[in-house]
Amino acid sequence: MSVVDHIIIAVEHLEKASQDYALMLGRAPSWRGKHPDYGSANTLFRLDNCYLELLAANGQGWAGDMVRGVLEARGQSLCALIFATDDCEAFLENARAQGLKAADPVPGHGIDDNTGVTRTWQTMHWDMAASRGIFSFCIRHDDLSALPMAEIEGKGAVTAVDHVVVQTKSAEAAKKFYGDQLGIRLALEQHVPDWGGTQLFFRTNSMSVEVLATEKADDDDRLWGLALKTEDIVATQKRLNDAGIAVSEVRDGRKPGTKVCTAKSHVLDVPTLLIEHPKN
């Protein structure tokens, strides 16, 4: 019923953050805009399966207030997980039937500072208690093609999001929210004895929401980290090294056949893994 539309990172200085992230991704921004009604400004990077949004406060409004609150509480970090549907009526019918008190669609728009292009959308919000403290909502874009792909700059560019990691105390609450209410398929549930918790993978639009459930987690759920796909991990690691970005050596990933490395700078304080999957 829904897919991951975009992932938001709260940043303090948008211009510097945009430069750093573009260098790490190996891609130019798709969009730079402002939301006067929301009190925020943003930079977007559209990838193959969703887009990444850097969000900064620049005035008064709910988005600006959210960013300031996140920065004060924990600094630059992942701050929101946004979902999408192509049918608001069907989404609301299922979500509400499953107990999610989602509001009726509200129109919104954004204007690109560089081109003047306007994007329009409808958003359906719910109380953060439903997602156990993670800011989220569902969006329907009027024309997704209005947001261009982030232009590739250099070899070994990031192609897509592989997974986003959520920490929670309650596996059952996660299954209700992501699975029942949002309609995302639970592809795998497994107990992990190494850290005494449960691992859930909700699969949608060629990526996963990976939920780590353990009693050691905070009372509120938290967006913790990102894994980003590349088609050539060796080229990616070399590009980052050449650009002066701190990055680990390439190593075998946990999933058989995968190769990974960890980006340690220019990631806006978000734990970031780069991953190459085996070619089919």
C-alpha atoms as a PDB file:
ATOM      1  CA  MET A   1       0.000   0.000   0.000  1.00  0.00           C
ATOM      2  CA  SER A   2       2.942   2.359   0.493  1.00  0.00           C
ATOM      3  CA  VAL A   3       6.653   2.660  -0.282  1.00  0.00           C
ATOM      4  CA  VAL A   4       9.533   4.617   1.216  1.00  0.00           C
ATOM      5  CA  ASP A   5       9.482   7.979  -0.552  1.00  0.00           C
ATOM      6  CA  HIS A   6      12.344   9.815   1.112  1.00  0.00           C
ATOM      7  CA  ILE A   7      14.552   9.933   4.172  1.00  0.00           C
ATOM      8  CA  ILE A   8      15.290  13.242   5.905  1.00  0.00           C
ATOM      9  CA  ILE A   9      18.528  14.284   7.595  1.00  0.00           C
ATOM     10  CA  ALA A  10      18.413  17.331   9.875  1.00  0.00           C
ATOM     11  CA  VAL A  11      21.410  19.588   9.203  1.00  0.00           C
ATOM     12  CA  GLU A  12      22.716  22.775  10.754  1.00  0.00           C
ATOM     13  CA  HIS A  13      24.321  24.515   7.757  1.00  0.00           C
ATOM     14  CA  LEU A  14      22.585  23.523   4.531  1.00  0.00           C
ATOM     15  CA  GLU A  15      25.189  24.747   2.042  1.00  0.00           C
ATOM     16  CA  LYS A  16      28.124  22.977   3.715  1.00  0.00           C
ATOM     17  CA  ALA A  17      26.057  19.846   4.328  1.00  0.00           C
ATOM     18  CA  SER A  18      24.971  19.779   0.679  1.00  0.00           C
ATOM     19  CA  GLN A  19      28.551  20.060  -0.550  1.00  0.00           C
ATOM     20  CA  ASP A  20      29.763  17.297   1.769  1.00  0.00           C
ATOM     21  CA  TYR A  21      26.920  14.942   0.920  1.00  0.00           C
ATOM     22  CA  ALA A  22      27.211  15.504  -2.822  1.00  0.00           C
ATOM     23  CA  LEU A  23      30.908  14.640  -2.598  1.00  0.00           C
ATOM     24  CA  MET A  24      30.175  11.466  -0.637  1.00  0.00           C
ATOM     25  CA  LEU A  25      27.345  10.352  -2.925  1.00  0.00           C
ATOM     26  CA  GLY A  26      29.199  11.232  -6.108  1.00  0.00           C
ATOM     27  CA  ARG A  27      26.076  13.011  -7.341  1.00  0.00           C
ATOM     28  CA  ALA A  28      24.904  16.591  -7.797  1.00  0.00           C
ATOM     29  CA  PRO A  29      21.753  17.735  -5.987  1.00  0.00           C
ATOM     30  CA  SER A  30      18.440  17.212  -7.778  1.00  0.00           C
ATOM     31  CA  TRP A  31      16.786  20.173  -6.087  1.00  0.00           C
ATOM     32  CA  ARG A  32      17.432  23.114  -3.776  1.00  0.00           C
ATOM     33  CA  GLY A  33      14.385  24.786  -2.339  1.00  0.00           C
ATOM     34  CA  LYS A  34      12.663  26.635   0.477  1.00  0.00           C
ATOM     35  CA  HIS A  35       9.375  26.126   2.308  1.00  0.00           C
ATOM     36  CA  PRO A  36       8.341  29.571   3.630  1.00  0.00           C
ATOM     37  CA  ASP A  37       5.189  28.126   5.191  1.00  0.00           C
ATOM     38  CA  TYR A  38       7.177  25.351   6.896  1.00  0.00           C
ATOM     39  CA  GLY A  39      10.153  27.451   8.064  1.00  0.00           C
ATOM     40  CA  SER A  40      12.693  25.264   6.289  1.00  0.00           C
ATOM     41  CA  ALA A  41      15.042  24.932   3.319  1.00  0.00           C
ATOM     42  CA  ASN A  42      16.217  21.726   1.685  1.00  0.00           C
ATOM     43  CA  THR A  43      18.503  19.951  -0.745  1.00  0.00           C
ATOM     44  CA  LEU A  44      17.296  16.761  -2.423  1.00  0.00           C
ATOM     45  CA  PHE A  45      19.204  13.898  -4.025  1.00  0.00           C
ATOM     46  CA  ARG A  46      16.940  11.606  -6.044  1.00  0.00           C
ATOM     47  CA  LEU A  47      18.348   8.083  -6.363  1.00  0.00           C
ATOM     48  CA  ASP A  48      17.033   4.998  -8.157  1.00  0.00           C
ATOM     49  CA  ASN A  49      14.488   3.990  -5.516  1.00  0.00           C
ATOM     50  CA  CYS A  50      13.852   7.015  -3.288  1.00  0.00           C
ATOM     51  CA  TYR A  51      15.408  10.365  -2.452  1.00  0.00           C
ATOM     52  CA  LEU A  52      17.477  11.759   0.390  1.00  0.00           C
ATOM     53  CA  GLU A  53      16.564  15.162   1.812  1.00  0.00           C
ATOM     54  CA  LEU A  54      18.852  17.458   3.783  1.00  0.00           C
ATOM     55  CA  LEU A  55      16.624  19.763   5.817  1.00  0.00           C
ATOM     56  CA  ALA A  56      17.616  22.961   7.633  1.00  0.00           C
ATOM     57  CA  ALA A  57      15.614  25.498   9.617  1.00  0.00           C
ATOM     58  CA  ASN A  58      15.373  28.983   8.128  1.00  0.00           C
ATOM     59  CA  GLY A  59      12.231  30.454   9.671  1.00  0.00           C
ATOM     60  CA  GLN A  60       9.103  29.725  11.687  1.00  0.00           C
ATOM     61  CA  GLY A  61       6.971  26.695  10.903  1.00  0.00           C
ATOM     62  CA  TRP A  62       6.540  23.041  11.802  1.00  0.00           C
ATOM     63  CA  ALA A  63       9.508  21.784   9.760  1.00  0.00           C
ATOM     64  CA  GLY A  64      11.861  24.450  11.058  1.00  0.00           C
ATOM     65  CA  ASP A  65      10.727  23.731  14.604  1.00  0.00           C
ATOM     66  CA  MET A  66      11.307  19.999  14.097  1.00  0.00           C
ATOM     67  CA  VAL A  67      14.838  20.521  12.783  1.00  0.00           C
ATOM     68  CA  ARG A  68      15.753  22.843  15.644  1.00  0.00           C
ATOM     69  CA  GLY A  69      14.412  20.314  18.134  1.00  0.00           C
ATOM     70  CA  VAL A  70      16.423  17.473  16.582  1.00  0.00           C
ATOM     71  CA  LEU A  71      19.636  19.506  16.456  1.00  0.00           C
ATOM     72  CA  GLU A  72      19.244  20.549  20.085  1.00  0.00           C
ATOM     73  CA  ALA A  73      18.493  16.997  21.244  1.00  0.00           C
ATOM     74  CA  ARG A  74      21.098  15.004  19.309  1.00  0.00           C
ATOM     75  CA  GLY A  75      22.778  17.120  16.633  1.00  0.00           C
ATOM     76  CA  GLN A  76      22.774  16.369  12.917  1.00  0.00           C
ATOM     77  CA  SER A  77      21.055  13.042  12.360  1.00  0.00           C
ATOM     78  CA  LEU A  78      18.349  11.123  10.569  1.00  0.00           C
ATOM     79  CA  CYS A  79      15.089  12.732  11.611  1.00  0.00           C
ATOM     80  CA  ALA A  80      12.207  11.503   9.433  1.00  0.00           C
ATOM     81  CA  LEU A  81      11.061   8.571   7.318  1.00  0.00           C
ATOM     82  CA  ILE A  82       8.476   9.524   4.702  1.00  0.00           C
ATOM     83  CA  PHE A  83       6.252   7.101   2.818  1.00  0.00           C
ATOM     84  CA  ALA A  84       4.408   7.446  -0.492  1.00  0.00           C
ATOM     85  CA  THR A  85       1.283   6.173  -2.188  1.00  0.00           C
ATOM     86  CA  ASP A  86      -0.269   6.705  -5.598  1.00  0.00           C
ATOM     87  CA  ASP A  87      -3.794   6.372  -4.166  1.00  0.00           C
ATOM     88  CA  CYS A  88      -4.636   8.487  -1.121  1.00  0.00           C
ATOM     89  CA  GLU A  89      -8.117   7.012  -0.755  1.00  0.00           C
ATOM     90  CA  ALA A  90      -6.907   3.406  -0.715  1.00  0.00           C
ATOM     91  CA  PHE A  91      -4.041   4.247   1.627  1.00  0.00           C
ATOM     92  CA  LEU A  92      -6.322   5.992   4.114  1.00  0.00           C
ATOM     93  CA  GLU A  93      -8.918   3.219   3.965  1.00  0.00           C
ATOM     94  CA  ASN A  94      -6.353   0.573   4.926  1.00  0.00           C
ATOM     95  CA  ALA A  95      -4.420   2.712   7.424  1.00  0.00           C
ATOM     96  CA  ARG A  96      -7.538   3.811   9.280  1.00  0.00           C
ATOM     97  CA  ALA A  97      -8.994   0.292   9.278  1.00  0.00           C
ATOM     98  CA  GLN A  98      -5.766  -0.813  10.996  1.00  0.00           C
ATOM     99  CA  GLY A  99      -6.034   1.918  13.627  1.00  0.00           C
ATOM    100  CA  LEU A 100      -3.729   4.612  12.207  1.00  0.00           C
ATOM    101  CA  LYS A 101      -5.410   7.989  12.700  1.00  0.00           C
ATOM    102  CA  ALA A 102      -4.153   9.545   9.461  1.00  0.00           C
ATOM    103  CA  ALA A 103      -5.485  12.984   8.564  1.00  0.00           C
ATOM    104  CA  ASP A 104      -7.100  13.879   5.248  1.00  0.00           C
ATOM    105  CA  PRO A 105      -4.724  14.937   2.433  1.00  0.00           C
ATOM    106  CA  VAL A 106      -3.335  18.479   2.595  1.00  0.00           C
ATOM    107  CA  PRO A 107      -1.820  20.119  -0.516  1.00  0.00           C
ATOM    108  CA  GLY A 108       1.761  21.368  -0.527  1.00  0.00           C
ATOM    109  CA  HIS A 109       4.304  22.685  -2.992  1.00  0.00           C
ATOM    110  CA  GLY A 110       7.991  23.441  -3.407  1.00  0.00           C
ATOM    111  CA  ILE A 111       9.963  25.631  -5.819  1.00  0.00           C
ATOM    112  CA  ASP A 112      13.483  24.860  -6.991  1.00  0.00           C
ATOM    113  CA  ASP A 113      15.777  27.824  -6.332  1.00  0.00           C
ATOM    114  CA  ASN A 114      17.907  27.138  -9.409  1.00  0.00           C
ATOM    115  CA  THR A 115      15.282  26.437 -12.077  1.00  0.00           C
ATOM    116  CA  GLY A 116      12.033  27.871 -10.743  1.00  0.00           C
ATOM    117  CA  VAL A 117      10.305  24.525 -11.319  1.00  0.00           C
ATOM    118  CA  THR A 118       7.390  23.836  -8.975  1.00  0.00           C
ATOM    119  CA  ARG A 119       6.492  20.455  -7.498  1.00  0.00           C
ATOM    120  CA  THR A 120       3.098  19.794  -5.893  1.00  0.00           C
ATOM    121  CA  TRP A 121       1.880  17.046  -3.594  1.00  0.00           C
ATOM    122  CA  GLN A 122      -0.667  15.900  -1.027  1.00  0.00           C
ATOM    123  CA  THR A 123       0.401  14.833   2.475  1.00  0.00           C
ATOM    124  CA  MET A 124      -1.380  12.745   5.091  1.00  0.00           C
ATOM    125  CA  HIS A 125      -0.055  13.194   8.623  1.00  0.00           C
ATOM    126  CA  TRP A 126      -0.483  11.286  11.883  1.00  0.00           C
ATOM    127  CA  ASP A 127       0.643  11.748  15.465  1.00  0.00           C
ATOM    128  CA  MET A 128       4.246  10.719  16.182  1.00  0.00           C
ATOM    129  CA  ALA A 129       2.965   8.366  18.882  1.00  0.00           C
ATOM    130  CA  ALA A 130       1.777   6.047  16.095  1.00  0.00           C
ATOM    131  CA  SER A 131       5.358   5.632  14.888  1.00  0.00           C
ATOM    132  CA  ARG A 132       6.727   5.602  18.447  1.00  0.00           C
ATOM    133  CA  GLY A 133       8.512   8.949  18.160  1.00  0.00           C
ATOM    134  CA  ILE A 134       9.802   8.860  14.571  1.00  0.00           C
ATOM    135  CA  PHE A 135       8.473  11.728  12.468  1.00  0.00           C
ATOM    136  CA  SER A 136       6.706  10.313   9.420  1.00  0.00           C
ATOM    137  CA  PHE A 137       3.812  10.903   7.056  1.00  0.00           C
ATOM    138  CA  CYS A 138       2.556   9.678   3.682  1.00  0.00           C
ATOM    139  CA  ILE A 139       2.790  11.718   0.485  1.00  0.00           C
ATOM    140  CA  ARG A 140       1.274  11.496  -2.973  1.00  0.00           C
ATOM    141  CA  HIS A 141       3.254  13.384  -5.602  1.00  0.00           C
ATOM    142  CA  ASP A 142       1.236  14.989  -8.378  1.00  0.00           C
ATOM    143  CA  ASP A 143       4.165  14.475 -10.782  1.00  0.00           C
ATOM    144  CA  LEU A 144       7.220  12.634  -9.471  1.00  0.00           C
ATOM    145  CA  SER A 145       9.090  13.351 -12.713  1.00  0.00           C
ATOM    146  CA  ALA A 146       9.257  17.008 -11.642  1.00  0.00           C
ATOM    147  CA  LEU A 147      12.108  15.922  -9.351  1.00  0.00           C
ATOM    148  CA  PRO A 148      15.041  14.976 -11.611  1.00  0.00           C
ATOM    149  CA  MET A 149      17.552  12.251 -10.854  1.00  0.00           C
ATOM    150  CA  ALA A 150      20.692  13.436  -9.068  1.00  0.00           C
ATOM    151  CA  GLU A 151      23.330  13.763 -11.780  1.00  0.00           C
ATOM    152  CA  ILE A 152      26.263  11.360 -11.413  1.00  0.00           C
ATOM    153  CA  GLU A 153      29.649  13.003 -10.875  1.00  0.00           C
ATOM    154  CA  GLY A 154      32.562  10.585 -10.951  1.00  0.00           C
ATOM    155  CA  LYS A 155      33.049   6.831 -10.748  1.00  0.00           C
ATOM    156  CA  GLY A 156      31.470   4.634  -8.111  1.00  0.00           C
ATOM    157  CA  ALA A 157      28.539   6.926  -7.377  1.00  0.00           C
ATOM    158  CA  VAL A 158      25.838   5.845  -4.942  1.00  0.00           C
ATOM    159  CA  THR A 159      22.899   4.445  -6.905  1.00  0.00           C
ATOM    160  CA  ALA A 160      20.172   3.803  -4.335  1.00  0.00           C
ATOM    161  CA  VAL A 161      19.308   3.244  -0.691  1.00  0.00           C
ATOM    162  CA  ASP A 162      19.791  -0.370   0.409  1.00  0.00           C
ATOM    163  CA  HIS A 163      18.225  -0.062   3.853  1.00  0.00           C
ATOM    164  CA  VAL A 164      17.482   2.343   6.669  1.00  0.00           C
ATOM    165  CA  VAL A 165      17.892   1.136  10.255  1.00  0.00           C
ATOM    166  CA  VAL A 166      15.279   1.707  12.965  1.00  0.00           C
ATOM    167  CA  GLN A 167      15.895   0.922  16.637  1.00  0.00           C
ATOM    168  CA  THR A 168      12.885   0.001  18.795  1.00  0.00           C
ATOM    169  CA  LYS A 169      11.866  -1.709  22.018  1.00  0.00           C
ATOM    170  CA  SER A 170       8.813  -3.343  20.446  1.00  0.00           C
ATOM    171  CA  ALA A 171       8.923  -5.708  17.489  1.00  0.00           C
ATOM    172  CA  GLU A 172       5.144  -6.102  17.707  1.00  0.00           C
ATOM    173  CA  ALA A 173       4.569  -2.346  17.477  1.00  0.00           C
ATOM    174  CA  ALA A 174       6.871  -2.205  14.443  1.00  0.00           C
ATOM    175  CA  LYS A 175       4.941  -5.010  12.743  1.00  0.00           C
ATOM    176  CA  LYS A 176       1.682  -3.190  13.379  1.00  0.00           C
ATOM    177  CA  PHE A 177       2.904   0.194  12.078  1.00  0.00           C
ATOM    178  CA  TYR A 178       5.081  -0.749   9.104  1.00  0.00           C
ATOM    179  CA  GLY A 179       3.293  -3.970   8.197  1.00  0.00           C
ATOM    180  CA  ASP A 180      -0.404  -3.613   9.015  1.00  0.00           C
ATOM    181  CA  GLN A 181      -0.964   0.140   8.910  1.00  0.00           C
ATOM    182  CA  LEU A 182       1.424   1.130   6.108  1.00  0.00           C
ATOM    183  CA  GLY A 183       1.026  -2.116   4.191  1.00  0.00           C
ATOM    184  CA  ILE A 184       4.740  -2.871   3.751  1.00  0.00           C
ATOM    185  CA  ARG A 185       5.644  -6.546   3.393  1.00  0.00           C
ATOM    186  CA  LEU A 186       7.497  -8.164   6.301  1.00  0.00           C
ATOM    187  CA  ALA A 187      10.082 -10.165   4.354  1.00  0.00           C
ATOM    188  CA  LEU A 188      12.049 -11.594   7.286  1.00  0.00           C
ATOM    189  CA  GLU A 189      11.850 -11.859  11.064  1.00  0.00           C
ATOM    190  CA  GLN A 190      14.670 -13.481  13.004  1.00  0.00           C
ATOM    191  CA  HIS A 191      16.053 -13.636  16.516  1.00  0.00           C
ATOM    192  CA  VAL A 192      19.680 -12.523  16.823  1.00  0.00           C
ATOM    193  CA  PRO A 193      21.307 -14.163  19.873  1.00  0.00           C
ATOM    194  CA  ASP A 194      24.480 -12.063  19.543  1.00  0.00           C
ATOM    195  CA  TRP A 195      22.714  -8.982  20.873  1.00  0.00           C
ATOM    196  CA  GLY A 196      19.573 -10.525  22.318  1.00  0.00           C
ATOM    197  CA  GLY A 197      17.004  -8.983  20.041  1.00  0.00           C
ATOM    198  CA  THR A 198      14.771  -9.432  17.019  1.00  0.00           C
ATOM    199  CA  GLN A 199      15.587  -8.276  13.499  1.00  0.00           C
ATOM    200  CA  LEU A 200      12.768  -7.382  11.100  1.00  0.00           C
ATOM    201  CA  PHE A 201      13.088  -6.540   7.412  1.00  0.00           C
ATOM    202  CA  PHE A 202      10.185  -4.711   5.777  1.00  0.00           C
ATOM    203  CA  ARG A 203      10.755  -4.832   2.021  1.00  0.00           C
ATOM    204  CA  THR A 204       9.540  -2.216  -0.466  1.00  0.00           C
ATOM    205  CA  ASN A 205      10.744  -0.427  -3.635  1.00  0.00           C
ATOM    206  CA  SER A 206      14.035  -2.374  -3.801  1.00  0.00           C
ATOM    207  CA  MET A 207      15.069  -1.416  -0.266  1.00  0.00           C
ATOM    208  CA  SER A 208      14.363  -2.437   3.313  1.00  0.00           C
ATOM    209  CA  VAL A 209      13.329  -0.810   6.542  1.00  0.00           C
ATOM    210  CA  GLU A 210      15.501  -2.834   8.936  1.00  0.00           C
ATOM    211  CA  VAL A 211      14.099  -2.792  12.462  1.00  0.00           C
ATOM    212  CA  LEU A 212      16.294  -3.839  15.391  1.00  0.00           C
ATOM    213  CA  ALA A 213      14.125  -4.618  18.410  1.00  0.00           C
ATOM    214  CA  THR A 214      15.723  -4.983  21.836  1.00  0.00           C
ATOM    215  CA  GLU A 215      14.873  -4.168  25.430  1.00  0.00           C
ATOM    216  CA  LYS A 216      18.048  -2.060  25.538  1.00  0.00           C
ATOM    217  CA  ALA A 217      16.578   0.468  23.090  1.00  0.00           C
ATOM    218  CA  ASP A 218      15.213   3.843  24.187  1.00  0.00           C
ATOM    219  CA  ASP A 219      11.502   4.192  24.900  1.00  0.00           C
ATOM    220  CA  ASP A 220      11.085   6.150  21.655  1.00  0.00           C
ATOM    221  CA  ASP A 221      12.023   4.514  18.361  1.00  0.00           C
ATOM    222  CA  ARG A 222      15.007   6.019  16.580  1.00  0.00           C
ATOM    223  CA  LEU A 223      16.266   6.215  13.018  1.00  0.00           C
ATOM    224  CA  TRP A 224      19.851   5.076  13.397  1.00  0.00           C
ATOM    225  CA  GLY A 225      21.728   4.580  10.123  1.00  0.00           C
ATOM    226  CA  LEU A 226      21.765   4.135   6.363  1.00  0.00           C
ATOM    227  CA  ALA A 227      23.157   1.612   3.912  1.00  0.00           C
ATOM    228  CA  LEU A 228      23.668   2.943   0.388  1.00  0.00           C
ATOM    229  CA  LYS A 229      24.098   0.887  -2.773  1.00  0.00           C
ATOM    230  CA  THR A 230      26.903   1.140  -5.287  1.00  0.00           C
ATOM    231  CA  GLU A 231      27.558  -0.962  -8.373  1.00  0.00           C
ATOM    232  CA  ASP A 232      31.345  -0.898  -7.852  1.00  0.00           C
ATOM    233  CA  ILE A 233      32.500  -0.751  -4.230  1.00  0.00           C
ATOM    234  CA  VAL A 234      36.188  -0.641  -5.173  1.00  0.00           C
ATOM    235  CA  ALA A 235      35.621   2.394  -7.404  1.00  0.00           C
ATOM    236  CA  THR A 236      33.509   4.005  -4.689  1.00  0.00           C
ATOM    237  CA  GLN A 237      36.148   3.477  -2.013  1.00  0.00           C
ATOM    238  CA  LYS A 238      38.852   4.881  -4.295  1.00  0.00           C
ATOM    239  CA  ARG A 239      36.734   7.918  -5.201  1.00  0.00           C
ATOM    240  CA  LEU A 240      36.121   8.693  -1.538  1.00  0.00           C
ATOM    241  CA  ASN A 241      39.792   8.273  -0.659  1.00  0.00           C
ATOM    242  CA  ASP A 242      40.848  10.521  -3.540  1.00  0.00           C
ATOM    243  CA  ALA A 243      38.347  13.168  -2.402  1.00  0.00           C
ATOM    244  CA  GLY A 244      39.749  13.188   1.141  1.00  0.00           C
ATOM    245  CA  ILE A 245      36.729  11.432   2.634  1.00  0.00           C
ATOM    246  CA  ALA A 246      37.486   9.087   5.530  1.00  0.00           C
ATOM    247  CA  VAL A 247      36.481   5.572   4.515  1.00  0.00           C
ATOM    248  CA  SER A 248      37.312   2.050   5.656  1.00  0.00           C
ATOM    249  CA  GLU A 249      38.850  -0.663   3.530  1.00  0.00           C
ATOM    250  CA  VAL A 250      36.514  -2.844   1.479  1.00  0.00           C
ATOM    251  CA  ARG A 251      35.475  -6.014   3.321  1.00  0.00           C
ATOM    252  CA  ASP A 252      33.021  -8.880   2.974  1.00  0.00           C
ATOM    253  CA  GLY A 253      29.494  -8.015   4.057  1.00  0.00           C
ATOM    254  CA  ARG A 254      27.285 -10.094   6.357  1.00  0.00           C
ATOM    255  CA  LYS A 255      25.134 -11.221   3.432  1.00  0.00           C
ATOM    256  CA  PRO A 256      27.027 -13.762   1.312  1.00  0.00           C
ATOM    257  CA  GLY A 257      28.474 -12.242  -1.839  1.00  0.00           C
ATOM    258  CA  THR A 258      28.240  -8.626  -0.714  1.00  0.00           C
ATOM    259  CA  LYS A 259      31.158  -6.221  -0.366  1.00  0.00           C
ATOM    260  CA  VAL A 260      30.978  -3.221   1.971  1.00  0.00           C
ATOM    261  CA  CYS A 261      32.918  -0.282   3.330  1.00  0.00           C
ATOM    262  CA  THR A 262      32.060   2.378   5.895  1.00  0.00           C
ATOM    263  CA  ALA A 263      32.068   6.086   5.096  1.00  0.00           C
ATOM    264  CA  LYS A 264      33.382   7.914   8.161  1.00  0.00           C
ATOM    265  CA  SER A 265      33.206  11.567   7.139  1.00  0.00           C
ATOM    266  CA  HIS A 266      30.965  13.755   4.949  1.00  0.00           C
ATOM    267  CA  VAL A 267      27.961  11.693   6.112  1.00  0.00           C
ATOM    268  CA  LEU A 268      26.414  14.381   8.357  1.00  0.00           C
ATOM    269  CA  ASP A 269      26.969  12.279  11.497  1.00  0.00           C
ATOM    270  CA  VAL A 270      24.754   9.471  10.154  1.00  0.00           C
ATOM    271  CA  PRO A 271      26.273   5.948  10.438  1.00  0.00           C
ATOM    272  CA  THR A 272      26.658   5.059   6.757  1.00  0.00           C
ATOM    273  CA  LEU A 273      27.515   1.753   5.117  1.00  0.00           C
ATOM    274  CA  LEU A 274      28.233   1.439   1.397  1.00  0.00           C
ATOM    275  CA  ILE A 275      27.349  -1.903  -0.152  1.00  0.00           C
ATOM    276  CA  GLU A 276      27.776  -3.728  -3.452  1.00  0.00           C
ATOM    277  CA  HIS A 277      25.538  -6.708  -4.123  1.00  0.00           C
ATOM    278  CA  PRO A 278      26.667  -9.578  -6.352  1.00  0.00           C
ATOM    279  CA  LYS A 279      25.762  -9.231 -10.015  1.00  0.00           C
ATOM    280  CA  ASN A 280      22.957 -11.523 -11.162  1.00  0.00           C
END
